[in-house]
């Protein structure tokens, strides 16, 4: 495995735009972001500012419609295997449906017996 130089940012977004579908308004547009290899980075902003879209891009749940994401100085697609390819906004795939809850998967609390004094 090749060692990545410490001065190289861990993640860089260059002029990235993305939307959740081909006919949808851009969720983020023209993002330039550099996340250093060391330290902490906080992503904050008001509701609707694009925080979730940004994380969806970073986690490869969403593909950019424009721009480039670099991880360790290499394009994201260079790190992706065919089995982990993300869903693009123009694909016809739909997310898997969640299973129907059953007694085994129910999140209902278990009733407690009444207290006795």
PDB file of N, CA and C in Angstrom:
ATOM      1  N   UNK A   1       0.838  -1.176   0.000  1.00  0.00           N
ATOM      2  CA  UNK A   1       0.000   0.000   0.000  1.00  0.00           C
ATOM      3  C   UNK A   1       0.886   1.244   0.000  1.00  0.00           C
ATOM      4  N   UNK A   2       0.571   2.209  -0.826  1.00  0.00           N
ATOM      5  CA  UNK A   2       1.354   3.425  -0.951  1.00  0.00           C
ATOM      6  C   UNK A   2       0.997   4.398   0.163  1.00  0.00           C
ATOM      7  N   UNK A   3       2.016   4.970   0.784  1.00  0.00           N
ATOM      8  CA  UNK A   3       1.785   5.971   1.829  1.00  0.00           C
ATOM      9  C   UNK A   3       1.401   7.287   1.175  1.00  0.00           C
ATOM     10  N   UNK A   4       0.351   7.902   1.704  1.00  0.00           N
ATOM     11  CA  UNK A   4      -0.125   9.189   1.202  1.00  0.00           C
ATOM     12  C   UNK A   4       0.583  10.291   1.976  1.00  0.00           C
ATOM     13  N   UNK A   5       1.146  11.291   1.277  1.00  0.00           N
ATOM     14  CA  UNK A   5       1.841  12.380   1.980  1.00  0.00           C
ATOM     15  C   UNK A   5       0.906  13.116   2.945  1.00  0.00           C
ATOM     16  N   UNK A   6       1.425  13.471   4.122  1.00  0.00           N
ATOM     17  CA  UNK A   6       0.628  14.164   5.133  1.00  0.00           C
ATOM     18  C   UNK A   6       0.069  15.499   4.652  1.00  0.00           C
ATOM     19  N   UNK A   7       0.774  16.177   3.761  1.00  0.00           N
ATOM     20  CA  UNK A   7       0.301  17.490   3.306  1.00  0.00           C
ATOM     21  C   UNK A   7      -0.847  17.393   2.302  1.00  0.00           C
ATOM     22  N   UNK A   8      -1.083  16.209   1.755  1.00  0.00           N
ATOM     23  CA  UNK A   8      -2.178  16.006   0.808  1.00  0.00           C
ATOM     24  C   UNK A   8      -3.493  15.936   1.577  1.00  0.00           C
ATOM     25  N   UNK A   9      -4.510  16.728   1.186  1.00  0.00           N
ATOM     26  CA  UNK A   9      -5.790  16.668   1.903  1.00  0.00           C
ATOM     27  C   UNK A   9      -6.390  15.264   1.836  1.00  0.00           C
ATOM     28  N   UNK A  10      -7.123  14.881   2.879  1.00  0.00           N
ATOM     29  CA  UNK A  10      -7.794  13.583   2.885  1.00  0.00           C
ATOM     30  C   UNK A  10      -8.910  13.563   1.849  1.00  0.00           C
ATOM     31  N   UNK A  11      -9.630  14.678   1.745  1.00  0.00           N
ATOM     32  CA  UNK A  11     -10.770  14.763   0.834  1.00  0.00           C
ATOM     33  C   UNK A  11     -10.832  16.149   0.225  1.00  0.00           C
ATOM     34  N   UNK A  12     -11.121  16.207  -1.054  1.00  0.00           N
ATOM     35  CA  UNK A  12     -11.257  17.497  -1.732  1.00  0.00           C
ATOM     36  C   UNK A  12     -12.424  17.428  -2.700  1.00  0.00           C
ATOM     37  N   UNK A  13     -13.289  18.420  -2.636  1.00  0.00           N
ATOM     38  CA  UNK A  13     -14.377  18.563  -3.592  1.00  0.00           C
ATOM     39  C   UNK A  13     -14.066  19.791  -4.430  1.00  0.00           C
ATOM     40  N   UNK A  14     -14.097  19.633  -5.735  1.00  0.00           N
ATOM     41  CA  UNK A  14     -13.784  20.728  -6.647  1.00  0.00           C
ATOM     42  C   UNK A  14     -15.005  21.038  -7.507  1.00  0.00           C
ATOM     43  N   UNK A  15     -15.628  22.191  -7.258  1.00  0.00           N
ATOM     44  CA  UNK A  15     -16.756  22.682  -8.041  1.00  0.00           C
ATOM     45  C   UNK A  15     -17.858  21.629  -8.191  1.00  0.00           C
ATOM     46  N   UNK A  16     -18.210  20.963  -7.090  1.00  0.00           N
ATOM     47  CA  UNK A  16     -19.167  19.851  -7.117  1.00  0.00           C
ATOM     48  C   UNK A  16     -20.601  20.351  -7.031  1.00  0.00           C
ATOM     49  N   UNK A  17     -21.428  19.810  -7.900  1.00  0.00           N
ATOM     50  CA  UNK A  17     -22.873  20.035  -7.875  1.00  0.00           C
ATOM     51  C   UNK A  17     -23.541  18.677  -7.915  1.00  0.00           C
ATOM     52  N   UNK A  18     -24.724  18.587  -7.312  1.00  0.00           N
ATOM     53  CA  UNK A  18     -25.455  17.316  -7.307  1.00  0.00           C
ATOM     54  C   UNK A  18     -26.931  17.579  -7.096  1.00  0.00           C
ATOM     55  N   UNK A  19     -27.744  16.682  -7.642  1.00  0.00           N
ATOM     56  CA  UNK A  19     -29.186  16.718  -7.408  1.00  0.00           C
ATOM     57  C   UNK A  19     -29.647  15.297  -7.162  1.00  0.00           C
ATOM     58  N   UNK A  20     -30.847  15.164  -6.627  1.00  0.00           N
ATOM     59  CA  UNK A  20     -31.373  13.841  -6.301  1.00  0.00           C
ATOM     60  C   UNK A  20     -32.096  13.190  -7.473  1.00  0.00           C
ATOM     61  N   UNK A  21     -32.124  13.829  -8.615  1.00  0.00           N
ATOM     62  CA  UNK A  21     -32.740  13.251  -9.800  1.00  0.00           C
ATOM     63  C   UNK A  21     -32.503  14.147 -10.991  1.00  0.00           C
ATOM     64  N   UNK A  22     -32.691  13.613 -12.212  1.00  0.00           N
ATOM     65  CA  UNK A  22     -32.388  14.388 -13.408  1.00  0.00           C
ATOM     66  C   UNK A  22     -33.250  15.638 -13.565  1.00  0.00           C
ATOM     67  N   UNK A  23     -34.465  15.610 -13.063  1.00  0.00           N
ATOM     68  CA  UNK A  23     -35.355  16.768 -13.195  1.00  0.00           C
ATOM     69  C   UNK A  23     -35.475  17.565 -11.901  1.00  0.00           C
ATOM     70  N   UNK A  24     -34.591  17.281 -10.944  1.00  0.00           N
ATOM     71  CA  UNK A  24     -34.645  17.939  -9.640  1.00  0.00           C
ATOM     72  C   UNK A  24     -33.704  19.137  -9.595  1.00  0.00           C
ATOM     73  N   UNK A  25     -34.071  20.102  -8.775  1.00  0.00           N
ATOM     74  CA  UNK A  25     -33.215  21.256  -8.523  1.00  0.00           C
ATOM     75  C   UNK A  25     -31.929  20.776  -7.841  1.00  0.00           C
ATOM     76  N   UNK A  26     -30.828  21.468  -8.075  1.00  0.00           N
ATOM     77  CA  UNK A  26     -29.553  21.091  -7.457  1.00  0.00           C
ATOM     78  C   UNK A  26     -29.660  21.159  -5.937  1.00  0.00           C
ATOM     79  N   UNK A  27     -29.234  20.073  -5.270  1.00  0.00           N
ATOM     80  CA  UNK A  27     -29.216  20.040  -3.811  1.00  0.00           C
ATOM     81  C   UNK A  27     -28.008  20.809  -3.292  1.00  0.00           C
ATOM     82  N   UNK A  28     -26.895  20.714  -4.000  1.00  0.00           N
ATOM     83  CA  UNK A  28     -25.695  21.506  -3.739  1.00  0.00           C
ATOM     84  C   UNK A  28     -25.147  21.948  -5.087  1.00  0.00           C
ATOM     85  N   UNK A  29     -24.493  23.092  -5.090  1.00  0.00           N
ATOM     86  CA  UNK A  29     -24.014  23.637  -6.363  1.00  0.00           C
ATOM     87  C   UNK A  29     -22.690  24.365  -6.158  1.00  0.00           C
ATOM     88  N   UNK A  30     -21.698  24.006  -6.982  1.00  0.00           N
ATOM     89  CA  UNK A  30     -20.417  24.697  -6.975  1.00  0.00           C
ATOM     90  C   UNK A  30     -19.645  24.591  -5.672  1.00  0.00           C
ATOM     91  N   UNK A  31     -19.692  23.428  -5.009  1.00  0.00           N
ATOM     92  CA  UNK A  31     -19.021  23.256  -3.715  1.00  0.00           C
ATOM     93  C   UNK A  31     -17.518  23.072  -3.916  1.00  0.00           C
ATOM     94  N   UNK A  32     -16.750  23.879  -3.220  1.00  0.00           N
ATOM     95  CA  UNK A  32     -15.291  23.730  -3.127  1.00  0.00           C
ATOM     96  C   UNK A  32     -15.006  23.480  -1.656  1.00  0.00           C
ATOM     97  N   UNK A  33     -14.418  22.334  -1.345  1.00  0.00           N
ATOM     98  CA  UNK A  33     -14.175  21.973   0.049  1.00  0.00           C
ATOM     99  C   UNK A  33     -12.891  21.163   0.127  1.00  0.00           C
ATOM    100  N   UNK A  34     -12.053  21.494   1.098  1.00  0.00           N
ATOM    101  CA  UNK A  34     -10.838  20.735   1.353  1.00  0.00           C
ATOM    102  C   UNK A  34     -10.852  20.306   2.815  1.00  0.00           C
ATOM    103  N   UNK A  35     -10.774  19.002   3.035  1.00  0.00           N
ATOM    104  CA  UNK A  35     -10.741  18.461   4.390  1.00  0.00           C
ATOM    105  C   UNK A  35      -9.323  17.954   4.638  1.00  0.00           C
ATOM    106  N   UNK A  36      -8.626  18.564   5.595  1.00  0.00           N
ATOM    107  CA  UNK A  36      -7.240  18.169   5.851  1.00  0.00           C
ATOM    108  C   UNK A  36      -7.139  16.761   6.433  1.00  0.00           C
ATOM    109  N   UNK A  37      -5.986  16.190   6.300  1.00  0.00           N
ATOM    110  CA  UNK A  37      -5.730  14.837   6.787  1.00  0.00           C
ATOM    111  C   UNK A  37      -5.754  14.763   8.315  1.00  0.00           C
ATOM    112  N   UNK A  38      -5.357  15.834   8.982  1.00  0.00           N
ATOM    113  CA  UNK A  38      -5.298  15.847  10.447  1.00  0.00           C
ATOM    114  C   UNK A  38      -6.209  16.938  10.979  1.00  0.00           C
ATOM    115  N   UNK A  39      -6.694  16.751  12.195  1.00  0.00           N
ATOM    116  CA  UNK A  39      -7.555  17.750  12.817  1.00  0.00           C
ATOM    117  C   UNK A  39      -9.012  17.352  12.713  1.00  0.00           C
ATOM    118  N   UNK A  40      -9.873  18.318  12.931  1.00  0.00           N
ATOM    119  CA  UNK A  40     -11.315  18.092  12.923  1.00  0.00           C
ATOM    120  C   UNK A  40     -11.970  19.050  11.938  1.00  0.00           C
ATOM    121  N   UNK A  41     -13.039  18.609  11.325  1.00  0.00           N
ATOM    122  CA  UNK A  41     -13.815  19.446  10.412  1.00  0.00           C
ATOM    123  C   UNK A  41     -15.277  19.309  10.791  1.00  0.00           C
ATOM    124  N   UNK A  42     -15.970  20.426  10.930  1.00  0.00           N
ATOM    125  CA  UNK A  42     -17.397  20.413  11.245  1.00  0.00           C
ATOM    126  C   UNK A  42     -18.166  20.923  10.034  1.00  0.00           C
ATOM    127  N   UNK A  43     -19.258  20.262   9.726  1.00  0.00           N
ATOM    128  CA  UNK A  43     -20.161  20.707   8.654  1.00  0.00           C
ATOM    129  C   UNK A  43     -21.424  21.181   9.354  1.00  0.00           C
ATOM    130  N   UNK A  44     -21.665  22.474   9.332  1.00  0.00           N
ATOM    131  CA  UNK A  44     -22.821  23.061  10.009  1.00  0.00           C
ATOM    132  C   UNK A  44     -23.556  23.985   9.050  1.00  0.00           C
ATOM    133  N   UNK A  45     -24.816  24.218   9.334  1.00  0.00           N
ATOM    134  CA  UNK A  45     -25.602  25.125   8.520  1.00  0.00           C
ATOM    135  C   UNK A  45     -27.070  24.955   8.816  1.00  0.00           C
ATOM    136  N   UNK A  46     -27.873  25.890   8.318  1.00  0.00           N
ATOM    137  CA  UNK A  46     -29.313  25.808   8.560  1.00  0.00           C
ATOM    138  C   UNK A  46     -29.960  24.681   7.761  1.00  0.00           C
ATOM    139  N   UNK A  47     -31.170  24.368   8.116  1.00  0.00           N
ATOM    140  CA  UNK A  47     -31.939  23.360   7.400  1.00  0.00           C
ATOM    141  C   UNK A  47     -32.019  23.733   5.924  1.00  0.00           C
ATOM    142  N   UNK A  48     -31.767  22.762   5.060  1.00  0.00           N
ATOM    143  CA  UNK A  48     -31.839  23.006   3.620  1.00  0.00           C
ATOM    144  C   UNK A  48     -30.559  23.539   3.006  1.00  0.00           C
ATOM    145  N   UNK A  49     -29.501  23.648   3.791  1.00  0.00           N
ATOM    146  CA  UNK A  49     -28.246  24.208   3.282  1.00  0.00           C
ATOM    147  C   UNK A  49     -27.441  23.214   2.446  1.00  0.00           C
ATOM    148  N   UNK A  50     -27.769  21.912   2.533  1.00  0.00           N
ATOM    149  CA  UNK A  50     -27.062  20.919   1.727  1.00  0.00           C
ATOM    150  C   UNK A  50     -26.146  19.994   2.507  1.00  0.00           C
ATOM    151  N   UNK A  51     -26.268  19.983   3.833  1.00  0.00           N
ATOM    152  CA  UNK A  51     -25.400  19.120   4.651  1.00  0.00           C
ATOM    153  C   UNK A  51     -25.615  17.646   4.321  1.00  0.00           C
ATOM    154  N   UNK A  52     -26.859  17.215   4.241  1.00  0.00           N
ATOM    155  CA  UNK A  52     -27.159  15.813   3.933  1.00  0.00           C
ATOM    156  C   UNK A  52     -26.697  15.465   2.526  1.00  0.00           C
ATOM    157  N   UNK A  53     -26.905  16.352   1.579  1.00  0.00           N
ATOM    158  CA  UNK A  53     -26.438  16.110   0.206  1.00  0.00           C
ATOM    159  C   UNK A  53     -24.917  15.988   0.179  1.00  0.00           C
ATOM    160  N   UNK A  54     -24.235  16.818   0.935  1.00  0.00           N
ATOM    161  CA  UNK A  54     -22.781  16.755   1.006  1.00  0.00           C
ATOM    162  C   UNK A  54     -22.322  15.401   1.548  1.00  0.00           C
ATOM    163  N   UNK A  55     -22.931  14.958   2.640  1.00  0.00           N
ATOM    164  CA  UNK A  55     -22.558  13.648   3.191  1.00  0.00           C
ATOM    165  C   UNK A  55     -22.962  12.514   2.253  1.00  0.00           C
ATOM    166  N   UNK A  56     -24.059  12.667   1.538  1.00  0.00           N
ATOM    167  CA  UNK A  56     -24.457  11.653   0.554  1.00  0.00           C
ATOM    168  C   UNK A  56     -23.416  11.542  -0.552  1.00  0.00           C
ATOM    169  N   UNK A  57     -22.835  12.652  -0.944  1.00  0.00           N
ATOM    170  CA  UNK A  57     -21.750  12.632  -1.935  1.00  0.00           C
ATOM    171  C   UNK A  57     -20.510  11.948  -1.363  1.00  0.00           C
ATOM    172  N   UNK A  58     -20.139  12.322  -0.161  1.00  0.00           N
ATOM    173  CA  UNK A  58     -18.941  11.761   0.459  1.00  0.00           C
ATOM    174  C   UNK A  58     -19.080  10.252   0.654  1.00  0.00           C
ATOM    175  N   UNK A  59     -20.270   9.798   1.018  1.00  0.00           N
ATOM    176  CA  UNK A  59     -20.508   8.367   1.255  1.00  0.00           C
ATOM    177  C   UNK A  59     -20.865   7.600  -0.016  1.00  0.00           C
ATOM    178  N   UNK A  60     -20.879   8.296  -1.143  1.00  0.00           N
ATOM    179  CA  UNK A  60     -21.181   7.705  -2.458  1.00  0.00           C
ATOM    180  C   UNK A  60     -22.619   7.222  -2.594  1.00  0.00           C
ATOM    181  N   UNK A  61     -23.539   7.800  -1.815  1.00  0.00           N
ATOM    182  CA  UNK A  61     -24.951   7.515  -1.999  1.00  0.00           C
ATOM    183  C   UNK A  61     -25.491   8.342  -3.159  1.00  0.00           C
ATOM    184  N   UNK A  62     -24.767   9.379  -3.534  1.00  0.00           N
ATOM    185  CA  UNK A  62     -25.172  10.316  -4.570  1.00  0.00           C
ATOM    186  C   UNK A  62     -23.954  10.623  -5.424  1.00  0.00           C
ATOM    187  N   UNK A  63     -24.134  10.658  -6.724  1.00  0.00           N
ATOM    188  CA  UNK A  63     -23.041  10.993  -7.641  1.00  0.00           C
ATOM    189  C   UNK A  63     -23.127  12.463  -8.030  1.00  0.00           C
ATOM    190  N   UNK A  64     -22.005  13.132  -8.174  1.00  0.00           N
ATOM    191  CA  UNK A  64     -22.047  14.532  -8.595  1.00  0.00           C
ATOM    192  C   UNK A  64     -22.526  14.663 -10.047  1.00  0.00           C
ATOM    193  N   UNK A  65     -23.252  15.718 -10.321  1.00  0.00           N
ATOM    194  CA  UNK A  65     -23.648  16.011 -11.700  1.00  0.00           C
ATOM    195  C   UNK A  65     -22.577  16.857 -12.382  1.00  0.00           C
ATOM    196  N   UNK A  66     -21.724  17.474 -11.553  1.00  0.00           N
ATOM    197  CA  UNK A  66     -20.610  18.271 -12.077  1.00  0.00           C
ATOM    198  C   UNK A  66     -19.527  18.314 -11.016  1.00  0.00           C
ATOM    199  N   UNK A  67     -18.301  18.476 -11.438  1.00  0.00           N
ATOM    200  CA  UNK A  67     -17.185  18.604 -10.511  1.00  0.00           C
ATOM    201  C   UNK A  67     -16.511  17.281 -10.220  1.00  0.00           C
ATOM    202  N   UNK A  68     -15.639  17.311  -9.232  1.00  0.00           N
ATOM    203  CA  UNK A  68     -14.819  16.138  -8.939  1.00  0.00           C
ATOM    204  C   UNK A  68     -14.596  16.005  -7.441  1.00  0.00           C
ATOM    205  N   UNK A  69     -14.660  14.763  -6.957  1.00  0.00           N
ATOM    206  CA  UNK A  69     -14.324  14.427  -5.573  1.00  0.00           C
ATOM    207  C   UNK A  69     -13.026  13.655  -5.604  1.00  0.00           C
ATOM    208  N   UNK A  70     -12.068  14.069  -4.771  1.00  0.00           N
ATOM    209  CA  UNK A  70     -10.780  13.396  -4.692  1.00  0.00           C
ATOM    210  C   UNK A  70     -10.567  12.856  -3.285  1.00  0.00           C
ATOM    211  N   UNK A  71     -10.184  11.607  -3.192  1.00  0.00           N
ATOM    212  CA  UNK A  71      -9.843  10.985  -1.927  1.00  0.00           C
ATOM    213  C   UNK A  71      -8.365  10.637  -1.997  1.00  0.00           C
ATOM    214  N   UNK A  72      -7.576  11.185  -1.090  1.00  0.00           N
ATOM    215  CA  UNK A  72      -6.123  11.003  -1.112  1.00  0.00           C
ATOM    216  C   UNK A  72      -5.518  11.411  -2.452  1.00  0.00           C
ATOM    217  N   UNK A  73      -6.092  12.438  -3.062  1.00  0.00           N
ATOM    218  CA  UNK A  73      -5.567  12.962  -4.317  1.00  0.00           C
ATOM    219  C   UNK A  73      -6.006  12.205  -5.560  1.00  0.00           C
ATOM    220  N   UNK A  74      -6.775  11.142  -5.392  1.00  0.00           N
ATOM    221  CA  UNK A  74      -7.254  10.335  -6.525  1.00  0.00           C
ATOM    222  C   UNK A  74      -8.757  10.461  -6.660  1.00  0.00           C
ATOM    223  N   UNK A  75      -9.281  10.462  -7.889  1.00  0.00           N
ATOM    224  CA  UNK A  75     -10.740  10.529  -8.068  1.00  0.00           C
ATOM    225  C   UNK A  75     -11.436   9.387  -7.330  1.00  0.00           C
ATOM    226  N   UNK A  76     -12.615   9.681  -6.796  1.00  0.00           N
ATOM    227  CA  UNK A  76     -13.387   8.671  -6.066  1.00  0.00           C
ATOM    228  C   UNK A  76     -13.567   7.399  -6.870  1.00  0.00           C
ATOM    229  N   UNK A  77     -13.862   7.531  -8.154  1.00  0.00           N
ATOM    230  CA  UNK A  77     -14.137   6.322  -8.960  1.00  0.00           C
ATOM    231  C   UNK A  77     -12.925   5.399  -9.040  1.00  0.00           C
ATOM    232  N   UNK A  78     -11.723   5.917  -8.794  1.00  0.00           N
ATOM    233  CA  UNK A  78     -10.526   5.073  -8.777  1.00  0.00           C
ATOM    234  C   UNK A  78     -10.498   4.186  -7.531  1.00  0.00           C
ATOM    235  N   UNK A  79     -11.271   4.542  -6.506  1.00  0.00           N
ATOM    236  CA  UNK A  79     -11.333   3.772  -5.264  1.00  0.00           C
ATOM    237  C   UNK A  79     -12.514   2.815  -5.227  1.00  0.00           C
ATOM    238  N   UNK A  80     -13.385   2.896  -6.221  1.00  0.00           N
ATOM    239  CA  UNK A  80     -14.631   2.143  -6.199  1.00  0.00           C
ATOM    240  C   UNK A  80     -14.511   0.828  -6.936  1.00  0.00           C
ATOM    241  N   UNK A  81     -15.015  -0.217  -6.316  1.00  0.00           N
ATOM    242  CA  UNK A  81     -15.091  -1.511  -6.982  1.00  0.00           C
ATOM    243  C   UNK A  81     -16.458  -1.635  -7.629  1.00  0.00           C
ATOM    244  N   UNK A  82     -16.602  -2.472  -8.657  1.00  0.00           N
ATOM    245  CA  UNK A  82     -17.895  -2.596  -9.331  1.00  0.00           C
ATOM    246  C   UNK A  82     -19.036  -2.984  -8.391  1.00  0.00           C
ATOM    247  N   UNK A  83     -18.764  -3.739  -7.342  1.00  0.00           N
ATOM    248  CA  UNK A  83     -19.831  -4.154  -6.434  1.00  0.00           C
ATOM    249  C   UNK A  83     -20.260  -3.054  -5.491  1.00  0.00           C
ATOM    250  N   UNK A  84     -19.473  -1.975  -5.379  1.00  0.00           N
ATOM    251  CA  UNK A  84     -19.854  -0.900  -4.476  1.00  0.00           C
ATOM    252  C   UNK A  84     -20.233   0.367  -5.237  1.00  0.00           C
ATOM    253  N   UNK A  85     -20.524   0.235  -6.518  1.00  0.00           N
ATOM    254  CA  UNK A  85     -20.883   1.404  -7.315  1.00  0.00           C
ATOM    255  C   UNK A  85     -22.168   2.028  -6.789  1.00  0.00           C
ATOM    256  N   UNK A  86     -22.209   3.360  -6.664  1.00  0.00           N
ATOM    257  CA  UNK A  86     -23.383   4.035  -6.127  1.00  0.00           C
ATOM    258  C   UNK A  86     -24.511   4.122  -7.143  1.00  0.00           C
ATOM    259  N   UNK A  87     -25.658   4.504  -6.667  1.00  0.00           N
ATOM    260  CA  UNK A  87     -26.805   4.748  -7.536  1.00  0.00           C
ATOM    261  C   UNK A  87     -26.664   6.166  -8.066  1.00  0.00           C
ATOM    262  N   UNK A  88     -26.695   6.320  -9.374  1.00  0.00           N
ATOM    263  CA  UNK A  88     -26.607   7.657  -9.950  1.00  0.00           C
ATOM    264  C   UNK A  88     -27.998   8.265  -9.995  1.00  0.00           C
ATOM    265  N   UNK A  89     -28.115   9.602 -10.061  1.00  0.00           N
ATOM    266  CA  UNK A  89     -29.432  10.224 -10.066  1.00  0.00           C
ATOM    267  C   UNK A  89     -30.250   9.841 -11.291  1.00  0.00           C
ATOM    268  N   UNK A  90     -29.623   9.349 -12.349  1.00  0.00           N
ATOM    269  CA  UNK A  90     -30.364   9.001 -13.557  1.00  0.00           C
ATOM    270  C   UNK A  90     -30.654   7.511 -13.666  1.00  0.00           C
ATOM    271  N   UNK A  91     -30.245   6.721 -12.668  1.00  0.00           N
ATOM    272  CA  UNK A  91     -30.488   5.287 -12.750  1.00  0.00           C
ATOM    273  C   UNK A  91     -31.945   4.985 -12.459  1.00  0.00           C
ATOM    274  N   UNK A  92     -32.373   3.832 -12.929  1.00  0.00           N
ATOM    275  CA  UNK A  92     -33.753   3.416 -12.709  1.00  0.00           C
ATOM    276  C   UNK A  92     -33.890   2.530 -11.485  1.00  0.00           C
ATOM    277  N   UNK A  93     -32.795   2.312 -10.766  1.00  0.00           N
ATOM    278  CA  UNK A  93     -32.868   1.466  -9.581  1.00  0.00           C
ATOM    279  C   UNK A  93     -33.590   2.197  -8.455  1.00  0.00           C
ATOM    280  N   UNK A  94     -34.308   1.447  -7.669  1.00  0.00           N
ATOM    281  CA  UNK A  94     -34.974   2.024  -6.513  1.00  0.00           C
ATOM    282  C   UNK A  94     -34.357   1.419  -5.265  1.00  0.00           C
ATOM    283  N   UNK A  95     -34.345   2.168  -4.175  1.00  0.00           N
ATOM    284  CA  UNK A  95     -33.766   1.614  -2.956  1.00  0.00           C
ATOM    285  C   UNK A  95     -34.573   0.411  -2.488  1.00  0.00           C
ATOM    286  N   UNK A  96     -33.933  -0.526  -1.820  1.00  0.00           N
ATOM    287  CA  UNK A  96     -34.671  -1.686  -1.330  1.00  0.00           C
ATOM    288  C   UNK A  96     -35.716  -1.262  -0.319  1.00  0.00           C
ATOM    289  N   UNK A  97     -36.841  -1.969  -0.337  1.00  0.00           N
ATOM    290  CA  UNK A  97     -37.884  -1.644   0.634  1.00  0.00           C
ATOM    291  C   UNK A  97     -37.518  -2.238   1.976  1.00  0.00           C
ATOM    292  N   UNK A  98     -38.009  -1.604   3.022  1.00  0.00           N
ATOM    293  CA  UNK A  98     -37.708  -2.130   4.348  1.00  0.00           C
ATOM    294  C   UNK A  98     -38.621  -3.317   4.633  1.00  0.00           C
ATOM    295  N   UNK A  99     -38.106  -4.271   5.387  1.00  0.00           N
ATOM    296  CA  UNK A  99     -38.918  -5.452   5.672  1.00  0.00           C
ATOM    297  C   UNK A  99     -40.120  -5.101   6.529  1.00  0.00           C
ATOM    298  N   UNK A 100     -41.161  -5.879   6.376  1.00  0.00           N
ATOM    299  CA  UNK A 100     -42.342  -5.695   7.201  1.00  0.00           C
ATOM    300  C   UNK A 100     -42.006  -6.122   8.623  1.00  0.00           C
ATOM    301  N   UNK A 101     -42.311  -5.277   9.605  1.00  0.00           N
ATOM    302  CA  UNK A 101     -41.975  -5.655  10.981  1.00  0.00           C
ATOM    303  C   UNK A 101     -42.691  -6.938  11.389  1.00  0.00           C
ATOM    304  N   UNK A 102     -42.018  -7.754  12.124  1.00  0.00           N
ATOM    305  CA  UNK A 102     -42.617  -8.970  12.657  1.00  0.00           C
ATOM    306  C   UNK A 102     -42.408  -8.958  14.155  1.00  0.00           C
ATOM    307  N   UNK A 103     -42.894  -9.969  14.813  1.00  0.00           N
ATOM    308  CA  UNK A 103     -42.719 -10.030  16.265  1.00  0.00           C
ATOM    309  C   UNK A 103     -41.245 -10.030  16.624  1.00  0.00           C
ATOM    310  N   UNK A 104     -40.408 -10.665  15.788  1.00  0.00           N
ATOM    311  CA  UNK A 104     -38.977 -10.735  16.077  1.00  0.00           C
ATOM    312  C   UNK A 104     -38.279  -9.399  15.858  1.00  0.00           C
ATOM    313  N   UNK A 105     -38.769  -8.574  14.915  1.00  0.00           N
ATOM    314  CA  UNK A 105     -38.087  -7.320  14.597  1.00  0.00           C
ATOM    315  C   UNK A 105     -38.785  -6.098  15.162  1.00  0.00           C
ATOM    316  N   UNK A 106     -39.858  -6.295  15.889  1.00  0.00           N
ATOM    317  CA  UNK A 106     -40.610  -5.179  16.426  1.00  0.00           C
ATOM    318  C   UNK A 106     -39.774  -4.401  17.433  1.00  0.00           C
ATOM    319  N   UNK A 107     -39.960  -3.093  17.427  1.00  0.00           N
ATOM    320  CA  UNK A 107     -39.227  -2.232  18.355  1.00  0.00           C
ATOM    321  C   UNK A 107     -40.075  -1.864  19.560  1.00  0.00           C
ATOM    322  N   UNK A 108     -41.220  -2.513  19.715  1.00  0.00           N
ATOM    323  CA  UNK A 108     -42.091  -2.202  20.850  1.00  0.00           C
ATOM    324  C   UNK A 108     -41.429  -2.645  22.144  1.00  0.00           C
ATOM    325  N   UNK A 109     -41.587  -1.841  23.194  1.00  0.00           N
ATOM    326  CA  UNK A 109     -40.981  -2.239  24.462  1.00  0.00           C
ATOM    327  C   UNK A 109     -41.693  -3.467  25.035  1.00  0.00           C
ATOM    328  N   UNK A 110     -40.963  -4.249  25.747  1.00  0.00           N
ATOM    329  CA  UNK A 110     -41.532  -5.415  26.413  1.00  0.00           C
ATOM    330  C   UNK A 110     -42.255  -4.941  27.668  1.00  0.00           C
ATOM    331  N   UNK A 111     -43.528  -5.349  27.830  1.00  0.00           N
ATOM    332  CA  UNK A 111     -44.258  -4.889  29.030  1.00  0.00           C
ATOM    333  C   UNK A 111     -43.581  -5.403  30.300  1.00  0.00           C
ATOM    334  N   UNK A 112     -43.515  -4.569  31.297  1.00  0.00           N
ATOM    335  CA  UNK A 112     -42.928  -4.929  32.578  1.00  0.00           C
ATOM    336  C   UNK A 112     -44.051  -5.346  33.534  1.00  0.00           C
ATOM    337  N   UNK A 113     -43.756  -6.281  34.426  1.00  0.00           N
ATOM    338  CA  UNK A 113     -44.770  -6.631  35.425  1.00  0.00           C
ATOM    339  C   UNK A 113     -44.962  -5.460  36.391  1.00  0.00           C
ATOM    340  N   UNK A 114     -46.133  -5.334  36.929  1.00  0.00           N
ATOM    341  CA  UNK A 114     -46.363  -4.219  37.864  1.00  0.00           C
ATOM    342  C   UNK A 114     -45.476  -4.337  39.104  1.00  0.00           C
ATOM    343  N   UNK A 115     -45.114  -3.189  39.639  1.00  0.00           N
ATOM    344  CA  UNK A 115     -44.277  -3.152  40.854  1.00  0.00           C
ATOM    345  C   UNK A 115     -45.101  -3.570  42.075  1.00  0.00           C
ATOM    346  N   UNK A 116     -44.434  -4.235  42.957  1.00  0.00           N
ATOM    347  CA  UNK A 116     -45.071  -4.562  44.232  1.00  0.00           C
ATOM    348  C   UNK A 116     -44.283  -3.892  45.343  1.00  0.00           C
ATOM    349  N   UNK A 117     -44.985  -3.332  46.287  1.00  0.00           N
ATOM    350  CA  UNK A 117     -44.303  -2.614  47.374  1.00  0.00           C
ATOM    351  C   UNK A 117     -44.045  -3.486  48.554  1.00  0.00           C
TER     352      UNK A 117
END
